[in-house]
PDB file of N, CA and C in Angstrom:
ATOM      1  N   MET A   1     185.310 -15.453-206.763  1.00  0.00           N
ATOM      2  CA  MET A   1     184.513 -14.889-207.816  1.00  0.00           C
ATOM      3  C   MET A   1     183.502 -15.884-208.381  1.00  0.00           C
ATOM      4  N   PRO A   2     183.872 -17.154-208.584  1.00  0.00           N
ATOM      5  CA  PRO A   2     182.895 -18.105-209.113  1.00  0.00           C
ATOM      6  C   PRO A   2     181.696 -18.272-208.190  1.00  0.00           C
ATOM      7  N   GLU A   3     181.914 -18.142-206.900  1.00  0.00           N
ATOM      8  CA  GLU A   3     180.810 -18.273-205.959  1.00  0.00           C
ATOM      9  C   GLU A   3     179.802 -17.130-206.131  1.00  0.00           C
ATOM     10  N   THR A   4     180.240 -15.950-206.361  1.00  0.00           N
ATOM     11  CA  THR A   4     179.384 -14.802-206.558  1.00  0.00           C
ATOM     12  C   THR A   4     178.620 -14.941-207.863  1.00  0.00           C
ATOM     13  N   THR A   5     179.276 -15.405-208.904  1.00  0.00           N
ATOM     14  CA  THR A   5     178.606 -15.617-210.188  1.00  0.00           C
ATOM     15  C   THR A   5     177.535 -16.681-210.043  1.00  0.00           C
ATOM     16  N   GLU A   6     177.832 -17.717-209.312  1.00  0.00           N
ATOM     17  CA  GLU A   6     176.860 -18.801-209.092  1.00  0.00           C
ATOM     18  C   GLU A   6     175.676 -18.297-208.274  1.00  0.00           C
ATOM     19  N   THR A   7     175.936 -17.492-207.262  1.00  0.00           N
ATOM     20  CA  THR A   7     174.868 -16.925-206.452  1.00  0.00           C
ATOM     21  C   THR A   7     174.006 -15.990-207.292  1.00  0.00           C
ATOM     22  N   LEU A   8     174.658 -15.166-208.117  1.00  0.00           N
ATOM     23  CA  LEU A   8     173.936 -14.248-209.001  1.00  0.00           C
ATOM     24  C   LEU A   8     173.081 -15.026-209.995  1.00  0.00           C
ATOM     25  N   LYS A   9     173.640 -16.092-210.533  1.00  0.00           N
ATOM     26  CA  LYS A   9     172.897 -16.943-211.478  1.00  0.00           C
ATOM     27  C   LYS A   9     171.685 -17.570-210.799  1.00  0.00           C
ATOM     28  N   ASP A  10     171.857 -18.058-209.577  1.00  0.00           N
ATOM     29  CA  ASP A  10     170.728 -18.642-208.826  1.00  0.00           C
ATOM     30  C   ASP A  10     169.664 -17.590-208.528  1.00  0.00           C
ATOM     31  N   SER A  11     170.095 -16.379-208.189  1.00  0.00           N
ATOM     32  CA  SER A  11     169.151 -15.295-207.900  1.00  0.00           C
ATOM     33  C   SER A  11     168.344 -14.919-209.136  1.00  0.00           C
ATOM     34  N   ILE A  12     169.031 -14.838-210.276  1.00  0.00           N
ATOM     35  CA  ILE A  12     168.342 -14.499-211.527  1.00  0.00           C
ATOM     36  C   ILE A  12     167.359 -15.597-211.903  1.00  0.00           C
ATOM     37  N   GLU A  13     167.767 -16.860-211.759  1.00  0.00           N
ATOM     38  CA  GLU A  13     166.863 -17.972-212.060  1.00  0.00           C
ATOM     39  C   GLU A  13     165.648 -17.947-211.132  1.00  0.00           C
ATOM     40  N   SER A  14     165.890 -17.662-209.865  1.00  0.00           N
ATOM     41  CA  SER A  14     164.795 -17.585-208.898  1.00  0.00           C
ATOM     42  C   SER A  14     163.855 -16.429-209.239  1.00  0.00           C
ATOM     43  N   LEU A  15     164.439 -15.298-209.636  1.00  0.00           N
ATOM     44  CA  LEU A  15     163.641 -14.140-210.030  1.00  0.00           C
ATOM     45  C   LEU A  15     162.811 -14.441-211.278  1.00  0.00           C
ATOM     46  N   LEU A  16     163.416 -15.088-212.263  1.00  0.00           N
ATOM     47  CA  LEU A  16     162.685 -15.450-213.486  1.00  0.00           C
ATOM     48  C   LEU A  16     161.578 -16.452-213.187  1.00  0.00           C
ATOM     49  N   GLU A  17     161.867 -17.370-212.300  1.00  0.00           N
ATOM     50  CA  GLU A  17     160.853 -18.366-211.919  1.00  0.00           C
ATOM     51  C   GLU A  17     159.681 -17.684-211.199  1.00  0.00           C
ATOM     52  N   SER A  18     159.990 -16.746-210.324  1.00  0.00           N
ATOM     53  CA  SER A  18     158.936 -16.008-209.607  1.00  0.00           C
ATOM     54  C   SER A  18     158.121 -15.157-210.577  1.00  0.00           C
ATOM     55  N   ALA A  19     158.804 -14.515-211.529  1.00  0.00           N
ATOM     56  CA  ALA A  19     158.103 -13.697-212.518  1.00  0.00           C
ATOM     57  C   ALA A  19     157.191 -14.565-213.384  1.00  0.00           C
ATOM     58  N   THR A  20     157.650 -15.736-213.759  1.00  0.00           N
ATOM     59  CA  THR A  20     156.838 -16.657-214.546  1.00  0.00           C
ATOM     60  C   THR A  20     155.618 -17.106-213.751  1.00  0.00           C
ATOM     61  N   ASP A  21     155.828 -17.453-212.491  1.00  0.00           N
ATOM     62  CA  ASP A  21     154.712 -17.856-211.634  1.00  0.00           C
ATOM     63  C   ASP A  21     153.712 -16.710-211.462  1.00  0.00           C
ATOM     64  N   TYR A  22     154.236 -15.477-211.292  1.00  0.00           N
ATOM     65  CA  TYR A  22     153.370 -14.315-211.158  1.00  0.00           C
ATOM     66  C   TYR A  22     152.554 -14.104-212.431  1.00  0.00           C
ATOM     67  N   GLY A  23     153.181 -14.232-213.573  1.00  0.00           N
ATOM     68  CA  GLY A  23     152.482 -14.086-214.857  1.00  0.00           C
ATOM     69  C   GLY A  23     151.385 -15.123-215.018  1.00  0.00           C
ATOM     70  N   LYS A  24     151.687 -16.361-214.681  1.00  0.00           N
ATOM     71  CA  LYS A  24     150.686 -17.429-214.781  1.00  0.00           C
ATOM     72  C   LYS A  24     149.524 -17.178-213.823  1.00  0.00           C
ATOM     73  N   THR A  25     149.842 -16.758-212.609  1.00  0.00           N
ATOM     74  CA  THR A  25     148.805 -16.483-211.615  1.00  0.00           C
ATOM     75  C   THR A  25     147.942 -15.298-212.045  1.00  0.00           C
ATOM     76  N   SER A  26     148.584 -14.252-212.561  1.00  0.00           N
ATOM     77  CA  SER A  26     147.828 -13.079-213.041  1.00  0.00           C
ATOM     78  C   SER A  26     146.915 -13.470-214.194  1.00  0.00           C
ATOM     79  N   TYR A  27     147.402 -14.297-215.109  1.00  0.00           N
ATOM     80  CA  TYR A  27     146.589 -14.759-216.240  1.00  0.00           C
ATOM     81  C   TYR A  27     145.387 -15.557-215.738  1.00  0.00           C
ATOM     82  N   GLU A  28     145.605 -16.439-214.801  1.00  0.00           N
ATOM     83  CA  GLU A  28     144.510 -17.245-214.247  1.00  0.00           C
ATOM     84  C   GLU A  28     143.487 -16.353-213.546  1.00  0.00           C
ATOM     85  N   LEU A  29     143.977 -15.347-212.824  1.00  0.00           N
ATOM     86  CA  LEU A  29     143.075 -14.436-212.126  1.00  0.00           C
ATOM     87  C   LEU A  29     142.207 -13.662-213.126  1.00  0.00           C
ATOM     88  N   VAL A  30     142.808 -13.154-214.185  1.00  0.00           N
ATOM     89  CA  VAL A  30     142.044 -12.431-215.221  1.00  0.00           C
ATOM     90  C   VAL A  30     141.029 -13.364-215.863  1.00  0.00           C
ATOM     91  N   LYS A  31     141.446 -14.583-216.142  1.00  0.00           N
ATOM     92  CA  LYS A  31     140.548 -15.564-216.755  1.00  0.00           C
ATOM     93  C   LYS A  31     139.362 -15.875-215.841  1.00  0.00           C
ATOM     94  N   LEU A  32     139.617 -16.066-214.557  1.00  0.00           N
ATOM     95  CA  LEU A  32     138.542 -16.359-213.614  1.00  0.00           C
ATOM     96  C   LEU A  32     137.607 -15.162-213.433  1.00  0.00           C
ATOM     97  N   LYS A  33     138.158 -13.944-213.417  1.00  0.00           N
ATOM     98  CA  LYS A  33     137.306 -12.753-213.318  1.00  0.00           C
ATOM     99  C   LYS A  33     136.418 -12.618-214.545  1.00  0.00           C
ATOM    100  N   ALA A  34     136.972 -12.903-215.731  1.00  0.00           N
ATOM    101  CA  ALA A  34     136.172 -12.826-216.959  1.00  0.00           C
ATOM    102  C   ALA A  34     135.062 -13.864-216.942  1.00  0.00           C
ATOM    103  N   ILE A  35     135.366 -15.057-216.492  1.00  0.00           N
ATOM    104  CA  ILE A  35     134.351 -16.109-216.399  1.00  0.00           C
ATOM    105  C   ILE A  35     133.265 -15.699-215.406  1.00  0.00           C
ATOM    106  N   ASP A  36     133.661 -15.122-214.273  1.00  0.00           N
ATOM    107  CA  ASP A  36     132.694 -14.681-213.271  1.00  0.00           C
ATOM    108  C   ASP A  36     131.771 -13.609-213.834  1.00  0.00           C
ATOM    109  N   LYS A  37     132.317 -12.616-214.512  1.00  0.00           N
ATOM    110  CA  LYS A  37     131.498 -11.541-215.071  1.00  0.00           C
ATOM    111  C   LYS A  37     130.574 -12.071-216.159  1.00  0.00           C
ATOM    112  N   THR A  38     131.084 -12.956-217.002  1.00  0.00           N
ATOM    113  CA  THR A  38     130.258 -13.544-218.054  1.00  0.00           C
ATOM    114  C   THR A  38     129.102 -14.335-217.452  1.00  0.00           C
ATOM    115  N   ALA A  39     129.400 -15.130-216.451  1.00  0.00           N
ATOM    116  CA  ALA A  39     128.350 -15.910-215.789  1.00  0.00           C
ATOM    117  C   ALA A  39     127.333 -14.991-215.128  1.00  0.00           C
ATOM    118  N   ASP A  40     127.786 -13.893-214.548  1.00  0.00           N
ATOM    119  CA  ASP A  40     126.884 -12.952-213.895  1.00  0.00           C
ATOM    120  C   ASP A  40     125.951 -12.302-214.911  1.00  0.00           C
ATOM    121  N   VAL A  41     126.516 -11.861-216.038  1.00  0.00           N
ATOM    122  CA  VAL A  41     125.698 -11.222-217.072  1.00  0.00           C
ATOM    123  C   VAL A  41     124.698 -12.218-217.650  1.00  0.00           C
ATOM    124  N   ILE A  42     125.143 -13.421-217.953  1.00  0.00           N
ATOM    125  CA  ILE A  42     124.251 -14.435-218.532  1.00  0.00           C
ATOM    126  C   ILE A  42     123.174 -14.840-217.534  1.00  0.00           C
ATOM    127  N   SER A  43     123.553 -14.992-216.266  1.00  0.00           N
ATOM    128  CA  SER A  43     122.555 -15.393-215.266  1.00  0.00           C
ATOM    129  C   SER A  43     121.530 -14.288-215.032  1.00  0.00           C
ATOM    130  N   THR A  44     121.864 -13.064-215.355  1.00  0.00           N
ATOM    131  CA  THR A  44     120.899 -11.976-215.270  1.00  0.00           C
ATOM    132  C   THR A  44     120.009 -11.939-216.507  1.00  0.00           C
ATOM    133  N   LEU A  45     120.597 -12.188-217.665  1.00  0.00           N
ATOM    134  CA  LEU A  45     119.853 -12.086-218.922  1.00  0.00           C
ATOM    135  C   LEU A  45     118.869 -13.236-219.132  1.00  0.00           C
ATOM    136  N   ILE A  46     119.233 -14.438-218.745  1.00  0.00           N
ATOM    137  CA  ILE A  46     118.375 -15.603-219.017  1.00  0.00           C
ATOM    138  C   ILE A  46     117.012 -15.484-218.324  1.00  0.00           C
ATOM    139  N   PRO A  47     116.943 -15.162-217.041  1.00  0.00           N
ATOM    140  CA  PRO A  47     115.599 -15.000-216.439  1.00  0.00           C
ATOM    141  C   PRO A  47     114.788 -13.886-217.108  1.00  0.00           C
ATOM    142  N   ARG A  48     115.460 -12.803-217.494  1.00  0.00           N
ATOM    143  CA  ARG A  48     114.746 -11.729-218.177  1.00  0.00           C
ATOM    144  C   ARG A  48     114.216 -12.193-219.528  1.00  0.00           C
ATOM    145  N   LEU A  49     115.005 -12.968-220.248  1.00  0.00           N
ATOM    146  CA  LEU A  49     114.545 -13.490-221.536  1.00  0.00           C
ATOM    147  C   LEU A  49     113.366 -14.446-221.361  1.00  0.00           C
ATOM    148  N   ILE A  50     113.376 -15.220-220.303  1.00  0.00           N
ATOM    149  CA  ILE A  50     112.259 -16.126-220.032  1.00  0.00           C
ATOM    150  C   ILE A  50     110.985 -15.324-219.755  1.00  0.00           C
ATOM    151  N   VAL A  51     111.096 -14.288-218.931  1.00  0.00           N
ATOM    152  CA  VAL A  51     109.934 -13.444-218.630  1.00  0.00           C
ATOM    153  C   VAL A  51     109.440 -12.754-219.903  1.00  0.00           C
ATOM    154  N   ILE A  52     110.352 -12.252-220.713  1.00  0.00           N
ATOM    155  CA  ILE A  52     109.964 -11.604-221.968  1.00  0.00           C
ATOM    156  C   ILE A  52     109.267 -12.601-222.890  1.00  0.00           C
ATOM    157  N   SER A  53     109.759 -13.826-222.953  1.00  0.00           N
ATOM    158  CA  SER A  53     109.122 -14.849-223.784  1.00  0.00           C
ATOM    159  C   SER A  53     107.703 -15.152-223.301  1.00  0.00           C
ATOM    160  N   ILE A  54     107.532 -15.275-222.004  1.00  0.00           N
ATOM    161  CA  ILE A  54     106.201 -15.553-221.454  1.00  0.00           C
ATOM    162  C   ILE A  54     105.261 -14.389-221.729  1.00  0.00           C
ATOM    163  N   LEU A  55     105.739 -13.155-221.533  1.00  0.00           N
ATOM    164  CA  LEU A  55     104.908 -11.986-221.831  1.00  0.00           C
ATOM    165  C   LEU A  55     104.560 -11.898-223.315  1.00  0.00           C
ATOM    166  N   THR A  56     105.495 -12.274-224.163  1.00  0.00           N
ATOM    167  CA  THR A  56     105.239 -12.271-225.610  1.00  0.00           C
ATOM    168  C   THR A  56     104.144 -13.272-225.964  1.00  0.00           C
ATOM    169  N   LEU A  57     104.209 -14.461-225.390  1.00  0.00           N
ATOM    170  CA  LEU A  57     103.165 -15.449-225.640  1.00  0.00           C
ATOM    171  C   LEU A  57     101.817 -14.968-225.111  1.00  0.00           C
ATOM    172  N   PHE A  58     101.815 -14.359-223.927  1.00  0.00           N
ATOM    173  CA  PHE A  58     100.587 -13.812-223.369  1.00  0.00           C
ATOM    174  C   PHE A  58      99.986 -12.778-224.316  1.00  0.00           C
ATOM    175  N   LEU A  59     100.815 -11.848-224.781  1.00  0.00           N
ATOM    176  CA  LEU A  59     100.319 -10.811-225.689  1.00  0.00           C
ATOM    177  C   LEU A  59      99.849 -11.394-227.012  1.00  0.00           C
ATOM    178  N   LEU A  60     100.513 -12.417-227.496  1.00  0.00           N
ATOM    179  CA  LEU A  60     100.095 -13.063-228.744  1.00  0.00           C
ATOM    180  C   LEU A  60      98.687 -13.636-228.602  1.00  0.00           C
ATOM    181  N   PHE A  61      98.479 -14.404-227.539  1.00  0.00           N
ATOM    182  CA  PHE A  61      97.158 -15.007-227.365  1.00  0.00           C
ATOM    183  C   PHE A  61      96.092 -13.980-227.010  1.00  0.00           C
ATOM    184  N   LEU A  62      96.470 -12.956-226.269  1.00  0.00           N
ATOM    185  CA  LEU A  62      95.536 -11.880-225.975  1.00  0.00           C
ATOM    186  C   LEU A  62      95.107 -11.184-227.266  1.00  0.00           C
ATOM    187  N   ASN A  63      96.059 -10.909-228.129  1.00  0.00           N
ATOM    188  CA  ASN A  63      95.736 -10.257-229.402  1.00  0.00           C
ATOM    189  C   ASN A  63      94.887 -11.140-230.303  1.00  0.00           C
ATOM    190  N   LEU A  64      95.185 -12.424-230.315  1.00  0.00           N
ATOM    191  CA  LEU A  64      94.342 -13.338-231.101  1.00  0.00           C
ATOM    192  C   LEU A  64      92.917 -13.349-230.550  1.00  0.00           C
ATOM    193  N   GLY A  65      92.801 -13.382-229.234  1.00  0.00           N
ATOM    194  CA  GLY A  65      91.469 -13.367-228.624  1.00  0.00           C
ATOM    195  C   GLY A  65      90.717 -12.078-228.939  1.00  0.00           C
ATOM    196  N   VAL A  66      91.388 -10.943-228.824  1.00  0.00           N
ATOM    197  CA  VAL A  66      90.754  -9.656-229.131  1.00  0.00           C
ATOM    198  C   VAL A  66      90.352  -9.605-230.600  1.00  0.00           C
ATOM    199  N   ALA A  67      91.229 -10.069-231.477  1.00  0.00           N
ATOM    200  CA  ALA A  67      90.928 -10.045-232.906  1.00  0.00           C
ATOM    201  C   ALA A  67      89.731 -10.951-233.237  1.00  0.00           C
ATOM    202  N   LEU A  68      89.699 -12.132-232.643  1.00  0.00           N
ATOM    203  CA  LEU A  68      88.569 -13.034-232.909  1.00  0.00           C
ATOM    204  C   LEU A  68      87.266 -12.463-232.339  1.00  0.00           C
ATOM    205  N   TYR A  69      87.344 -11.862-231.160  1.00  0.00           N
ATOM    206  CA  TYR A  69      86.164 -11.249-230.554  1.00  0.00           C
ATOM    207  C   TYR A  69      85.656 -10.097-231.422  1.00  0.00           C
ATOM    208  N   LEU A  70      86.552  -9.212-231.835  1.00  0.00           N
ATOM    209  CA  LEU A  70      86.145  -8.102-232.694  1.00  0.00           C
ATOM    210  C   LEU A  70      85.648  -8.609-234.051  1.00  0.00           C
ATOM    211  N   GLY A  71      86.230  -9.696-234.516  1.00  0.00           N
ATOM    212  CA  GLY A  71      85.775 -10.285-235.774  1.00  0.00           C
ATOM    213  C   GLY A  71      84.342 -10.764-235.692  1.00  0.00           C
ATOM    214  N   GLU A  72      83.969 -11.330-234.541  1.00  0.00           N
ATOM    215  CA  GLU A  72      82.572 -11.755-234.358  1.00  0.00           C
ATOM    216  C   GLU A  72      81.643 -10.546-234.299  1.00  0.00           C
ATOM    217  N   ILE A  73      82.081  -9.513-233.613  1.00  0.00           N
ATOM    218  CA  ILE A  73      81.241  -8.316-233.491  1.00  0.00           C
ATOM    219  C   ILE A  73      81.061  -7.640-234.854  1.00  0.00           C
ATOM    220  N   LEU A  74      82.145  -7.486-235.581  1.00  0.00           N
ATOM    221  CA  LEU A  74      82.095  -6.788-236.871  1.00  0.00           C
ATOM    222  C   LEU A  74      81.733  -7.713-238.039  1.00  0.00           C
ATOM    223  N   GLU A  75      81.676  -9.000-237.765  1.00  0.00           N
ATOM    224  CA  GLU A  75      81.333 -10.026-238.755  1.00  0.00           C
ATOM    225  C   GLU A  75      82.270 -10.025-239.957  1.00  0.00           C
ATOM    226  N   ASN A  76      83.531  -9.676-239.725  1.00  0.00           N
ATOM    227  CA  ASN A  76      84.517  -9.734-240.794  1.00  0.00           C
ATOM    228  C   ASN A  76      85.894  -9.961-240.163  1.00  0.00           C
ATOM    229  N   MET A  77      86.377 -11.177-240.249  1.00  0.00           N
ATOM    230  CA  MET A  77      87.630 -11.555-239.597  1.00  0.00           C
ATOM    231  C   MET A  77      88.853 -10.913-240.235  1.00  0.00           C
ATOM    232  N   TYR A  78      88.864 -10.785-241.540  1.00  0.00           N
ATOM    233  CA  TYR A  78      90.064 -10.295-242.228  1.00  0.00           C
ATOM    234  C   TYR A  78      90.414  -8.871-241.806  1.00  0.00           C
ATOM    235  N   TYR A  79      89.439  -8.002-241.782  1.00  0.00           N
ATOM    236  CA  TYR A  79      89.703  -6.608-241.470  1.00  0.00           C
ATOM    237  C   TYR A  79      90.174  -6.412-240.031  1.00  0.00           C
ATOM    238  N   VAL A  80      89.673  -7.233-239.128  1.00  0.00           N
ATOM    239  CA  VAL A  80      90.046  -7.098-237.723  1.00  0.00           C
ATOM    240  C   VAL A  80      91.535  -7.402-237.534  1.00  0.00           C
ATOM    241  N   PHE A  81      92.050  -8.419-238.215  1.00  0.00           N
ATOM    242  CA  PHE A  81      93.470  -8.726-238.101  1.00  0.00           C
ATOM    243  C   PHE A  81      94.311  -7.601-238.706  1.00  0.00           C
ATOM    244  N   PHE A  82      93.830  -6.976-239.764  1.00  0.00           N
ATOM    245  CA  PHE A  82      94.530  -5.818-240.321  1.00  0.00           C
ATOM    246  C   PHE A  82      94.525  -4.652-239.335  1.00  0.00           C
ATOM    247  N   VAL A  83      93.418  -4.463-238.639  1.00  0.00           N
ATOM    248  CA  VAL A  83      93.329  -3.390-237.648  1.00  0.00           C
ATOM    249  C   VAL A  83      94.302  -3.650-236.493  1.00  0.00           C
ATOM    250  N   VAL A  84      94.355  -4.878-236.007  1.00  0.00           N
ATOM    251  CA  VAL A  84      95.280  -5.225-234.921  1.00  0.00           C
ATOM    252  C   VAL A  84      96.722  -5.045-235.388  1.00  0.00           C
ATOM    253  N   ALA A  85      97.027  -5.472-236.615  1.00  0.00           N
ATOM    254  CA  ALA A  85      98.383  -5.301-237.152  1.00  0.00           C
ATOM    255  C   ALA A  85      98.728  -3.822-237.296  1.00  0.00           C
ATOM    256  N   ALA A  86      97.785  -3.026-237.754  1.00  0.00           N
ATOM    257  CA  ALA A  86      98.021  -1.585-237.892  1.00  0.00           C
ATOM    258  C   ALA A  86      98.255  -0.940-236.530  1.00  0.00           C
ATOM    259  N   PHE A  87      97.533  -1.399-235.514  1.00  0.00           N
ATOM    260  CA  PHE A  87      97.726  -0.898-234.159  1.00  0.00           C
ATOM    261  C   PHE A  87      99.166  -1.137-233.705  1.00  0.00           C
ATOM    262  N   TYR A  88      99.691  -2.341-233.948  1.00  0.00           N
ATOM    263  CA  TYR A  88     101.061  -2.640-233.555  1.00  0.00           C
ATOM    264  C   TYR A  88     102.074  -1.914-234.433  1.00  0.00           C
ATOM    265  N   LEU A  89     101.731  -1.650-235.662  1.00  0.00           N
ATOM    266  CA  LEU A  89     102.613  -0.855-236.515  1.00  0.00           C
ATOM    267  C   LEU A  89     102.760   0.556-235.949  1.00  0.00           C
ATOM    268  N   VAL A  90     101.666   1.154-235.533  1.00  0.00           N
ATOM    269  CA  VAL A  90     101.706   2.497-234.947  1.00  0.00           C
ATOM    270  C   VAL A  90     102.518   2.490-233.655  1.00  0.00           C
ATOM    271  N   ILE A  91     102.296   1.501-232.806  1.00  0.00           N
ATOM    272  CA  ILE A  91     103.056   1.401-231.558  1.00  0.00           C
ATOM    273  C   ILE A  91     104.545   1.195-231.866  1.00  0.00           C
ATOM    274  N   GLY A  92     104.857   0.327-232.817  1.00  0.00           N
ATOM    275  CA  GLY A  92     106.250   0.077-233.185  1.00  0.00           C
ATOM    276  C   GLY A  92     106.934   1.328-233.721  1.00  0.00           C
ATOM    277  N   LEU A  93     106.241   2.078-234.559  1.00  0.00           N
ATOM    278  CA  LEU A  93     106.816   3.322-235.073  1.00  0.00           C
ATOM    279  C   LEU A  93     107.030   4.332-233.956  1.00  0.00           C
ATOM    280  N   PHE A  94     106.067   4.435-233.048  1.00  0.00           N
ATOM    281  CA  PHE A  94     106.202   5.344-231.909  1.00  0.00           C
ATOM    282  C   PHE A  94     107.424   4.982-231.067  1.00  0.00           C
ATOM    283  N   VAL A  95     107.566   3.703-230.747  1.00  0.00           N
ATOM    284  CA  VAL A  95     108.703   3.253-229.938  1.00  0.00           C
ATOM    285  C   VAL A  95     110.011   3.526-230.672  1.00  0.00           C
ATOM    286  N   HIS A  96     110.037   3.212-231.957  1.00  0.00           N
ATOM    287  CA  HIS A  96     111.273   3.411-232.729  1.00  0.00           C
ATOM    288  C   HIS A  96     111.648   4.888-232.812  1.00  0.00           C
ATOM    289  N   LEU A  97     110.690   5.730-233.067  1.00  0.00           N
ATOM    290  CA  LEU A  97     110.979   7.151-233.265  1.00  0.00           C
ATOM    291  C   LEU A  97     111.245   7.903-231.968  1.00  0.00           C
ATOM    292  N   PHE A  98     110.539   7.558-230.894  1.00  0.00           N
ATOM    293  CA  PHE A  98     110.624   8.353-229.681  1.00  0.00           C
ATOM    294  C   PHE A  98     111.319   7.672-228.505  1.00  0.00           C
ATOM    295  N   LEU A  99     111.288   6.369-228.438  1.00  0.00           N
ATOM    296  CA  LEU A  99     111.821   5.687-227.254  1.00  0.00           C
ATOM    297  C   LEU A  99     113.031   4.799-227.523  1.00  0.00           C
ATOM    298  N   HIS A 100     113.439   4.669-228.781  1.00  0.00           N
ATOM    299  CA  HIS A 100     114.523   3.755-229.157  1.00  0.00           C
ATOM    300  C   HIS A 100     115.824   4.081-228.409  1.00  0.00           C
ATOM    301  N   LYS A 101     116.222   5.344-228.408  1.00  0.00           N
ATOM    302  CA  LYS A 101     117.480   5.728-227.749  1.00  0.00           C
ATOM    303  C   LYS A 101     117.421   5.483-226.246  1.00  0.00           C
ATOM    304  N   ARG A 102     116.261   5.752-225.646  1.00  0.00           N
ATOM    305  CA  ARG A 102     116.115   5.539-224.205  1.00  0.00           C
ATOM    306  C   ARG A 102     116.234   4.055-223.863  1.00  0.00           C
ATOM    307  N   PHE A 103     115.550   3.179-224.629  1.00  0.00           N
ATOM    308  CA  PHE A 103     115.649   1.741-224.384  1.00  0.00           C
ATOM    309  C   PHE A 103     117.082   1.251-224.585  1.00  0.00           C
ATOM    310  N   LYS A 104     117.712   1.734-225.654  1.00  0.00           N
ATOM    311  CA  LYS A 104     119.075   1.310-225.950  1.00  0.00           C
ATOM    312  C   LYS A 104     120.012   1.716-224.818  1.00  0.00           C
ATOM    313  N   ARG A 105     119.865   2.936-224.310  1.00  0.00           N
ATOM    314  CA  ARG A 105     120.713   3.431-223.227  1.00  0.00           C
ATOM    315  C   ARG A 105     120.491   2.615-221.956  1.00  0.00           C
ATOM    316  N   LYS A 106     119.217   2.312-221.639  1.00  0.00           N
ATOM    317  CA  LYS A 106     118.937   1.551-220.421  1.00  0.00           C
ATOM    318  C   LYS A 106     119.511   0.140-220.492  1.00  0.00           C
ATOM    319  N   VAL A 107     119.365  -0.504-221.644  1.00  0.00           N
ATOM    320  CA  VAL A 107     119.909  -1.857-221.807  1.00  0.00           C
ATOM    321  C   VAL A 107     121.424  -1.820-221.729  1.00  0.00           C
ATOM    322  N   SER A 108     122.030  -0.850-222.395  1.00  0.00           N
ATOM    323  CA  SER A 108     123.485  -0.719-222.367  1.00  0.00           C
ATOM    324  C   SER A 108     123.979  -0.448-220.951  1.00  0.00           C
ATOM    325  N   ASP A 109     123.327   0.449-220.237  1.00  0.00           N
ATOM    326  CA  ASP A 109     123.702   0.749-218.856  1.00  0.00           C
ATOM    327  C   ASP A 109     123.570  -0.469-217.965  1.00  0.00           C
ATOM    328  N   SER A 110     122.511  -1.234-218.179  1.00  0.00           N
ATOM    329  CA  SER A 110     122.291  -2.439-217.371  1.00  0.00           C
ATOM    330  C   SER A 110     123.404  -3.473-217.599  1.00  0.00           C
ATOM    331  N   ILE A 111     123.783  -3.667-218.854  1.00  0.00           N
ATOM    332  CA  ILE A 111     124.846  -4.629-219.155  1.00  0.00           C
ATOM    333  C   ILE A 111     126.172  -4.152-218.585  1.00  0.00           C
ATOM    334  N   ILE A 112     126.472  -2.861-218.731  1.00  0.00           N
ATOM    335  CA  ILE A 112     127.722  -2.335-218.189  1.00  0.00           C
ATOM    336  C   ILE A 112     127.747  -2.434-216.671  1.00  0.00           C
ATOM    337  N   LYS A 113     126.607  -2.130-216.039  1.00  0.00           N
ATOM    338  CA  LYS A 113     126.535  -2.217-214.576  1.00  0.00           C
ATOM    339  C   LYS A 113     126.793  -3.656-214.111  1.00  0.00           C
ATOM    340  N   GLN A 114     126.216  -4.626-214.813  1.00  0.00           N
ATOM    341  CA  GLN A 114     126.428  -6.023-214.453  1.00  0.00           C
ATOM    342  C   GLN A 114     127.889  -6.429-214.667  1.00  0.00           C
ATOM    343  N   ALA A 115     128.488  -5.927-215.747  1.00  0.00           N
ATOM    344  CA  ALA A 115     129.877  -6.305-216.042  1.00  0.00           C
ATOM    345  C   ALA A 115     130.856  -5.683-215.043  1.00  0.00           C
ATOM    346  N   LEU A 116     130.543  -4.487-214.552  1.00  0.00           N
ATOM    347  CA  LEU A 116     131.465  -3.819-213.617  1.00  0.00           C
ATOM    348  C   LEU A 116     131.175  -4.116-212.159  1.00  0.00           C
ATOM    349  N   LYS A 117     130.134  -4.871-211.889  1.00  0.00           N
ATOM    350  CA  LYS A 117     129.722  -5.217-210.530  1.00  0.00           C
ATOM    351  C   LYS A 117     130.804  -6.010-209.820  1.00  0.00           C
TER     352      LYS A 117
END
């Protein structure tokens, strides 16, 4: 009888050790998958943010150039900057009122697609 108890004890210890190893391995696997998905999402977002930043700078200088050019034509710099600002206010309101949900959905879908890839 003591031999059977000892064998049973060894089997239980071996089973607990295997379960512990499995738990540790599963945790490491989940951690590595999360790191991979995070790196994938960030590596996708950073180039897009760089392109958006460059386009923003381009539009800024383009708008300054247009405003200064129109200011020379109209001989009044102050009003031209107000006109350019009003133009962007109208565009911003249009985007917010009519396209906000569409942009939000596309960005959300893109992030989810990258995370589930």
